[in-house]
Amino acid sequence: MDAPSELGDFLKSRRAALRPEDVGITPHPTRRRVSGLRREELAMLAGVSITHYTRLEQGRALSASDSVLDAIARTLRLTDDETAHLKDLARPTATTARPTTPRAEQASPSARQLLAAMSEVPALVLDRRNDVLAWNRLGHALLAAHLPADSPETPGTRPNVTRMLFLDDRYRALYTDWHDEAQLAVASLRLIAGRHPDDRRLTELVGQLTVQCDEFASRWARHPVRTCTSGVKQLRHPSVGTMDLSFENLVIPGSSGQRLIAYTAEPGSPSEAALRLLGSATAPEVESTSATV
C-alpha cells in the first residue's frame, strides 16, 4: 500500500469530519468549498505552518516530529488508535523497493498443543491478516463447520475471517449485528495495514474485498481505525441457537502478529448450555469395546 497516499486520505477524512463550529471557528457567510475544516484552519489550530501541513497531507513530508503529529491529532480529536495510525502512516518503516511476499505462516507446535488442550473453549490462531492458521474442534464447529476441518493446513486456500465476513453468507449469518462486526473488522484491518504497508498478501486481500464487495469498499474508503482486544459477540449458530460469548485476543509473542482468540460463556447461562450442546454434538465418536471373560 502507498503510505503517503494513505496518509493524505486519512487526514482528509478526519478534516472533513470536523465542522468549523466544532472548533470555535465562525464560518464565513460566503459559501465554503469544503464541508469540514480547511487545511489552513487546521494548520492554524494545530500551530503548524500551512506549508508543512500541506506537504504532510500530500505525502511529501514523511519525517514529522511527535510534537507536530500530536498537535494535529489533538486538533482533529483523534482517538488513541487513530493517533497511533497517524504516526504509522507519517513515518512508515523502511521497506524494500517492491512489496514483499512473506513465507506462509504456521501456528507453532506449542500453540497447536494449547488449542487442543482447550477442549471446552472454542479457539483459533490467526495471523495479522486474519488468515486462520489453526483452530480446535470447538472453534471450527462454532465458526465454520461448513468448511473442512483441515482447511487451515493449506496456505493457499486458508479461511480468512475478514474475507468470510464479507463474502461467505454462512459465516456472515452468524453475527446478529453484522454491521457493527463489519465496521470493526475494517477498522482493525486499517490499523494493521498502516503498520505493514509492504505486505503484499494484505494488499491483495484489501484489493479483492474492495473489488468484490461494495459494503467493504464503502467502509474502507471512510478510513475507520480501531483495535479491539476483548468484548462480547452475539452469535446465531444454526445448530444451537443464539449465544452471547466473551472473547479475548491474545498476541503470541515473537510470532509477527499472530494471536489466539478464545470464546467463553458466562457460567450457568443459556449461552454456556448452548456451547456445551455444541461440544457434545461435535465430539468425536469413541469406539466402545467389550471384554469377554
Protein backbone atom coordinates (compact mmCIF):
# COMPACT_ATOMS: atom_id res chain seq x y z
CA MET A 1 0.00 0.00 0.00
CA ASP A 2 1.12 3.55 -0.73
CA ALA A 3 1.77 5.06 2.70
CA PRO A 4 1.90 8.71 1.52
CA SER A 5 -1.43 8.33 -0.29
CA GLU A 6 -2.97 6.56 2.70
CA LEU A 7 -1.76 9.36 4.98
CA GLY A 8 -3.37 12.01 2.80
CA ASP A 9 -6.66 10.12 2.59
CA PHE A 10 -6.72 9.64 6.35
CA LEU A 11 -6.06 13.30 7.15
CA LYS A 12 -8.61 14.48 4.60
CA SER A 13 -11.27 12.16 6.00
CA ARG A 14 -10.73 13.46 9.52
CA ARG A 15 -10.60 17.09 8.37
CA ALA A 16 -13.91 16.61 6.58
CA ALA A 17 -15.50 15.21 9.73
CA LEU A 18 -14.90 18.41 11.75
CA ARG A 19 -17.11 21.45 11.20
CA PRO A 20 -15.67 24.91 11.83
CA GLU A 21 -18.20 25.43 14.63
CA ASP A 22 -16.87 22.31 16.37
CA VAL A 23 -13.52 24.01 16.95
CA GLY A 24 -14.70 27.56 17.62
CA ILE A 25 -14.41 28.97 14.11
CA THR A 26 -17.27 31.15 12.88
CA PRO A 27 -17.95 30.17 9.27
CA HIS A 28 -17.64 32.94 6.70
CA PRO A 29 -21.03 33.87 5.23
CA THR A 30 -19.76 33.08 1.73
CA ARG A 31 -20.14 29.54 0.50
CA ARG A 32 -17.39 27.18 1.68
CA ARG A 33 -15.75 24.87 -0.84
CA VAL A 34 -15.16 22.13 1.76
CA SER A 35 -17.60 20.56 4.21
CA GLY A 36 -15.10 20.34 7.04
CA LEU A 37 -12.01 22.23 8.10
CA ARG A 38 -9.78 23.83 5.50
CA ARG A 39 -6.09 22.97 5.52
CA GLU A 40 -5.16 26.47 6.68
CA GLU A 41 -7.70 26.31 9.52
CA LEU A 42 -6.35 23.00 10.75
CA ALA A 43 -2.74 24.22 10.48
CA MET A 44 -3.59 27.39 12.43
CA LEU A 45 -5.37 25.49 15.21
CA ALA A 46 -2.55 22.95 15.47
CA GLY A 47 0.16 25.61 15.46
CA VAL A 48 1.77 24.16 12.35
CA SER A 49 2.79 26.08 9.24
CA ILE A 50 0.37 25.66 6.35
CA THR A 51 3.28 24.70 4.11
CA HIS A 52 4.40 21.93 6.43
CA TYR A 53 0.86 20.60 6.89
CA THR A 54 0.16 20.68 3.16
CA ARG A 55 3.34 18.75 2.44
CA LEU A 56 2.33 16.22 5.11
CA GLU A 57 -1.14 15.74 3.66
CA GLN A 58 0.32 15.38 0.18
CA GLY A 59 2.75 12.73 1.36
CA ARG A 60 5.82 14.87 0.75
CA ALA A 61 6.95 15.19 4.37
CA LEU A 62 7.40 11.79 5.98
CA SER A 63 9.58 12.91 8.88
CA ALA A 64 7.16 14.85 11.06
CA SER A 65 8.03 15.06 14.75
CA ASP A 66 5.92 13.64 17.56
CA SER A 67 5.04 17.15 18.69
CA VAL A 68 3.66 18.09 15.26
CA LEU A 69 1.71 14.85 14.87
CA ASP A 70 0.34 15.08 18.42
CA ALA A 71 -0.79 18.66 17.78
CA ILE A 72 -2.58 17.60 14.60
CA ALA A 73 -4.12 14.62 16.39
CA ARG A 74 -5.45 16.82 19.19
CA THR A 75 -6.91 19.30 16.73
CA LEU A 76 -8.61 16.53 14.76
CA ARG A 77 -9.79 14.95 18.03
CA LEU A 78 -8.30 11.59 17.13
CA THR A 79 -8.65 8.58 19.39
CA ASP A 80 -5.56 6.80 20.72
CA ASP A 81 -5.88 4.20 17.95
CA GLU A 82 -6.23 6.90 15.30
CA THR A 83 -3.22 8.80 16.67
CA ALA A 84 -1.10 5.64 16.53
CA HIS A 85 -2.32 5.06 12.97
CA LEU A 86 -1.41 8.64 12.01
CA LYS A 87 2.14 8.09 13.23
CA ASP A 88 2.40 4.75 11.42
CA LEU A 89 1.40 6.40 8.16
CA ALA A 90 3.50 9.53 8.68
CA ARG A 91 6.65 7.56 9.46
CA PRO A 92 6.49 4.23 7.64
CA THR A 93 9.21 1.75 8.37
CA ALA A 94 11.93 1.35 5.76
CA THR A 95 10.84 -1.10 3.08
CA THR A 96 12.30 -2.69 0.00
CA ALA A 97 11.65 -1.15 -3.39
CA ARG A 98 8.79 -3.56 -4.03
CA PRO A 99 6.27 -5.13 -1.66
CA THR A 100 7.46 -8.47 -0.40
CA THR A 101 5.54 -11.73 -0.26
CA PRO A 102 6.31 -13.28 3.12
CA ARG A 103 6.54 -17.02 3.58
CA ALA A 104 3.33 -18.78 4.51
CA GLU A 105 2.98 -18.72 8.29
CA GLN A 106 2.28 -21.68 10.52
CA ALA A 107 0.95 -21.98 14.03
CA SER A 108 3.72 -23.22 16.30
CA PRO A 109 3.54 -26.74 17.78
CA SER A 110 3.06 -25.24 21.25
CA ALA A 111 0.15 -23.08 20.03
CA ARG A 112 -1.46 -26.15 18.46
CA GLN A 113 -0.96 -28.08 21.67
CA LEU A 114 -2.64 -25.28 23.61
CA LEU A 115 -5.60 -25.25 21.21
CA ALA A 116 -6.05 -28.99 21.59
CA ALA A 117 -5.96 -28.70 25.39
CA MET A 118 -8.76 -26.11 25.33
CA SER A 119 -11.34 -28.81 24.65
CA GLU A 120 -14.29 -26.90 26.14
CA VAL A 121 -13.33 -23.48 24.76
CA PRO A 122 -13.68 -22.51 21.07
CA ALA A 123 -10.33 -21.09 20.00
CA LEU A 124 -8.29 -20.37 16.90
CA VAL A 125 -4.95 -18.86 15.88
CA LEU A 126 -4.90 -16.06 13.30
CA ASP A 127 -2.06 -14.25 11.60
CA ARG A 128 -2.07 -10.46 11.29
CA ARG A 129 -4.07 -10.67 8.03
CA ASN A 130 -6.77 -12.74 9.79
CA ASP A 131 -5.88 -15.96 7.98
CA VAL A 132 -6.83 -18.95 10.14
CA LEU A 133 -3.62 -20.84 10.93
CA ALA A 134 -5.26 -23.39 13.23
CA TRP A 135 -8.43 -23.97 15.23
CA ASN A 136 -9.54 -26.52 17.75
CA ARG A 137 -12.53 -28.79 17.25
CA LEU A 138 -14.97 -26.48 19.04
CA GLY A 139 -13.61 -23.36 17.32
CA HIS A 140 -14.22 -24.99 13.94
CA ALA A 141 -17.72 -26.10 14.99
CA LEU A 142 -18.62 -22.64 16.26
CA LEU A 143 -17.35 -20.51 13.38
CA ALA A 144 -17.03 -22.56 10.22
CA ALA A 145 -18.50 -26.04 10.41
CA HIS A 146 -19.39 -25.71 6.71
CA LEU A 147 -15.67 -25.73 5.86
CA PRO A 148 -13.35 -28.76 6.04
CA ALA A 149 -11.76 -29.04 9.47
CA ASP A 150 -8.30 -29.24 7.89
CA SER A 151 -8.72 -26.15 5.66
CA PRO A 152 -6.23 -24.05 7.70
CA GLU A 153 -3.50 -26.54 6.78
CA THR A 154 -3.37 -25.41 3.12
CA PRO A 155 -1.77 -21.94 2.95
CA GLY A 156 -3.13 -21.05 -0.48
CA THR A 157 -6.78 -21.63 0.43
CA ARG A 158 -6.85 -20.94 4.15
CA PRO A 159 -10.04 -19.39 5.56
CA ASN A 160 -9.69 -15.69 6.28
CA VAL A 161 -12.23 -14.39 8.79
CA THR A 162 -12.41 -10.92 7.23
CA ARG A 163 -12.97 -12.35 3.76
CA MET A 164 -15.59 -14.72 5.13
CA LEU A 165 -17.36 -11.91 6.97
CA PHE A 166 -17.99 -10.10 3.67
CA LEU A 167 -18.10 -12.90 1.09
CA ASP A 168 -19.29 -16.05 2.89
CA ASP A 169 -23.05 -15.96 3.53
CA ARG A 170 -22.99 -18.73 6.14
CA TYR A 171 -20.23 -17.09 8.18
CA ARG A 172 -21.86 -13.69 7.80
CA ALA A 173 -25.17 -15.06 9.11
CA LEU A 174 -23.52 -15.98 12.43
CA TYR A 175 -23.41 -12.35 13.57
CA THR A 176 -26.68 -10.91 14.83
CA ASP A 177 -25.24 -7.40 14.45
CA TRP A 178 -23.31 -7.87 11.24
CA HIS A 179 -22.91 -4.16 10.51
CA ASP A 180 -21.05 -3.47 13.77
CA GLU A 181 -18.88 -6.54 13.22
CA ALA A 182 -18.09 -5.43 9.67
CA GLN A 183 -17.16 -1.93 10.80
CA LEU A 184 -14.83 -3.28 13.47
CA ALA A 185 -13.25 -5.72 11.00
CA VAL A 186 -12.45 -2.93 8.54
CA ALA A 187 -11.20 -0.60 11.27
CA SER A 188 -8.88 -3.30 12.65
CA LEU A 189 -7.57 -4.13 9.18
CA ARG A 190 -6.86 -0.44 8.56
CA LEU A 191 -4.70 -0.33 11.68
CA ILE A 192 -2.69 -3.36 10.56
CA ALA A 193 -2.33 -2.05 7.01
CA GLY A 194 -0.85 1.18 8.36
CA ARG A 195 1.81 -0.77 10.23
CA HIS A 196 2.69 -3.07 7.31
CA PRO A 197 2.37 -1.10 4.05
CA ASP A 198 4.73 -3.52 2.28
CA ASP A 199 2.71 -6.68 3.00
CA ARG A 200 1.74 -7.94 -0.46
CA ARG A 201 -0.78 -10.52 0.74
CA LEU A 202 -2.51 -7.93 2.89
CA THR A 203 -2.68 -5.56 -0.09
CA GLU A 204 -4.12 -8.37 -2.22
CA LEU A 205 -6.77 -9.12 0.42
CA VAL A 206 -7.87 -5.49 0.56
CA GLY A 207 -7.91 -5.30 -3.23
CA GLN A 208 -10.02 -8.44 -3.55
CA LEU A 209 -12.56 -7.26 -0.98
CA THR A 210 -12.73 -3.77 -2.47
CA VAL A 211 -13.50 -5.17 -5.92
CA GLN A 212 -15.88 -7.94 -4.87
CA CYS A 213 -17.83 -6.27 -2.08
CA ASP A 214 -19.26 -2.76 -2.22
CA GLU A 215 -20.01 -2.90 1.51
CA PHE A 216 -16.33 -3.39 2.26
CA ALA A 217 -15.25 -0.76 -0.27
CA SER A 218 -17.51 1.93 1.17
CA ARG A 219 -16.31 1.26 4.71
CA TRP A 220 -12.65 1.13 3.66
CA ALA A 221 -12.97 4.49 1.90
CA ARG A 222 -14.14 6.13 5.16
CA HIS A 223 -10.81 5.10 6.74
CA PRO A 224 -12.08 3.86 10.14
CA VAL A 225 -9.36 2.92 12.63
CA ARG A 226 -9.89 0.90 15.78
CA THR A 227 -8.46 -2.06 17.62
CA CYS A 228 -10.39 -4.50 19.77
CA THR A 229 -8.74 -6.96 22.13
CA SER A 230 -11.78 -8.19 24.05
CA GLY A 231 -15.52 -7.90 24.23
CA VAL A 232 -18.76 -9.79 23.71
CA LYS A 233 -20.14 -11.13 20.46
CA GLN A 234 -23.67 -12.39 19.92
CA LEU A 235 -23.65 -15.31 17.53
CA ARG A 236 -26.63 -17.05 15.95
CA HIS A 237 -25.45 -20.61 15.43
CA PRO A 238 -27.51 -22.75 13.03
CA SER A 239 -27.34 -25.79 15.32
CA VAL A 240 -27.68 -24.46 18.88
CA GLY A 241 -29.20 -21.00 18.53
CA THR A 242 -28.12 -17.60 19.83
CA MET A 243 -25.16 -17.26 22.20
CA ASP A 244 -23.51 -14.30 23.92
CA LEU A 245 -19.81 -15.14 24.04
CA SER A 246 -16.96 -13.17 25.55
CA PHE A 247 -13.76 -13.18 23.55
CA GLU A 248 -10.11 -12.42 24.27
CA ASN A 249 -7.50 -11.57 21.66
CA LEU A 250 -4.11 -12.75 22.95
CA VAL A 251 -1.00 -11.80 20.97
CA ILE A 252 1.52 -14.64 20.71
CA PRO A 253 4.99 -13.22 21.50
CA GLY A 254 7.61 -13.44 18.77
CA SER A 255 5.14 -14.52 16.09
CA SER A 256 4.91 -11.49 13.75
CA GLY A 257 1.46 -10.58 14.92
CA GLN A 258 -0.14 -13.99 15.35
CA ARG A 259 -2.82 -14.09 18.02
CA LEU A 260 -5.00 -16.63 19.76
CA ILE A 261 -8.71 -15.85 20.09
CA ALA A 262 -10.78 -17.75 22.65
CA TYR A 263 -14.53 -17.59 23.30
CA THR A 264 -16.23 -18.27 26.64
CA ALA A 265 -19.76 -18.08 28.01
CA GLU A 266 -20.91 -16.84 31.40
CA PRO A 267 -21.13 -19.80 33.81
CA GLY A 268 -24.67 -21.04 34.29
CA SER A 269 -26.04 -19.01 31.38
CA PRO A 270 -28.12 -20.29 28.44
CA SER A 271 -25.10 -19.47 26.27
CA GLU A 272 -22.94 -21.86 28.28
CA ALA A 273 -25.58 -24.56 27.87
CA ALA A 274 -25.67 -23.95 24.12
CA LEU A 275 -21.87 -24.09 23.93
CA ARG A 276 -21.84 -27.39 25.84
CA LEU A 277 -24.51 -28.74 23.49
CA LEU A 278 -22.39 -27.75 20.50
CA GLY A 279 -19.42 -29.51 22.07
CA SER A 280 -21.42 -32.67 22.65
CA ALA A 281 -22.85 -32.65 19.15
CA THR A 282 -19.44 -32.37 17.56
CA ALA A 283 -17.47 -34.61 19.91
CA PRO A 284 -15.60 -37.39 18.12
CA GLU A 285 -17.17 -40.79 18.47
CA VAL A 286 -15.35 -43.17 20.81
CA GLU A 287 -15.42 -46.82 19.87
CA SER A 288 -16.73 -48.99 22.69
CA THR A 289 -15.09 -52.31 23.43
CA SER A 290 -16.48 -55.21 25.42
CA ALA A 291 -14.36 -57.64 27.37
CA THR A 292 -15.15 -61.32 27.34
CA VAL A 293 -14.32 -63.18 30.49
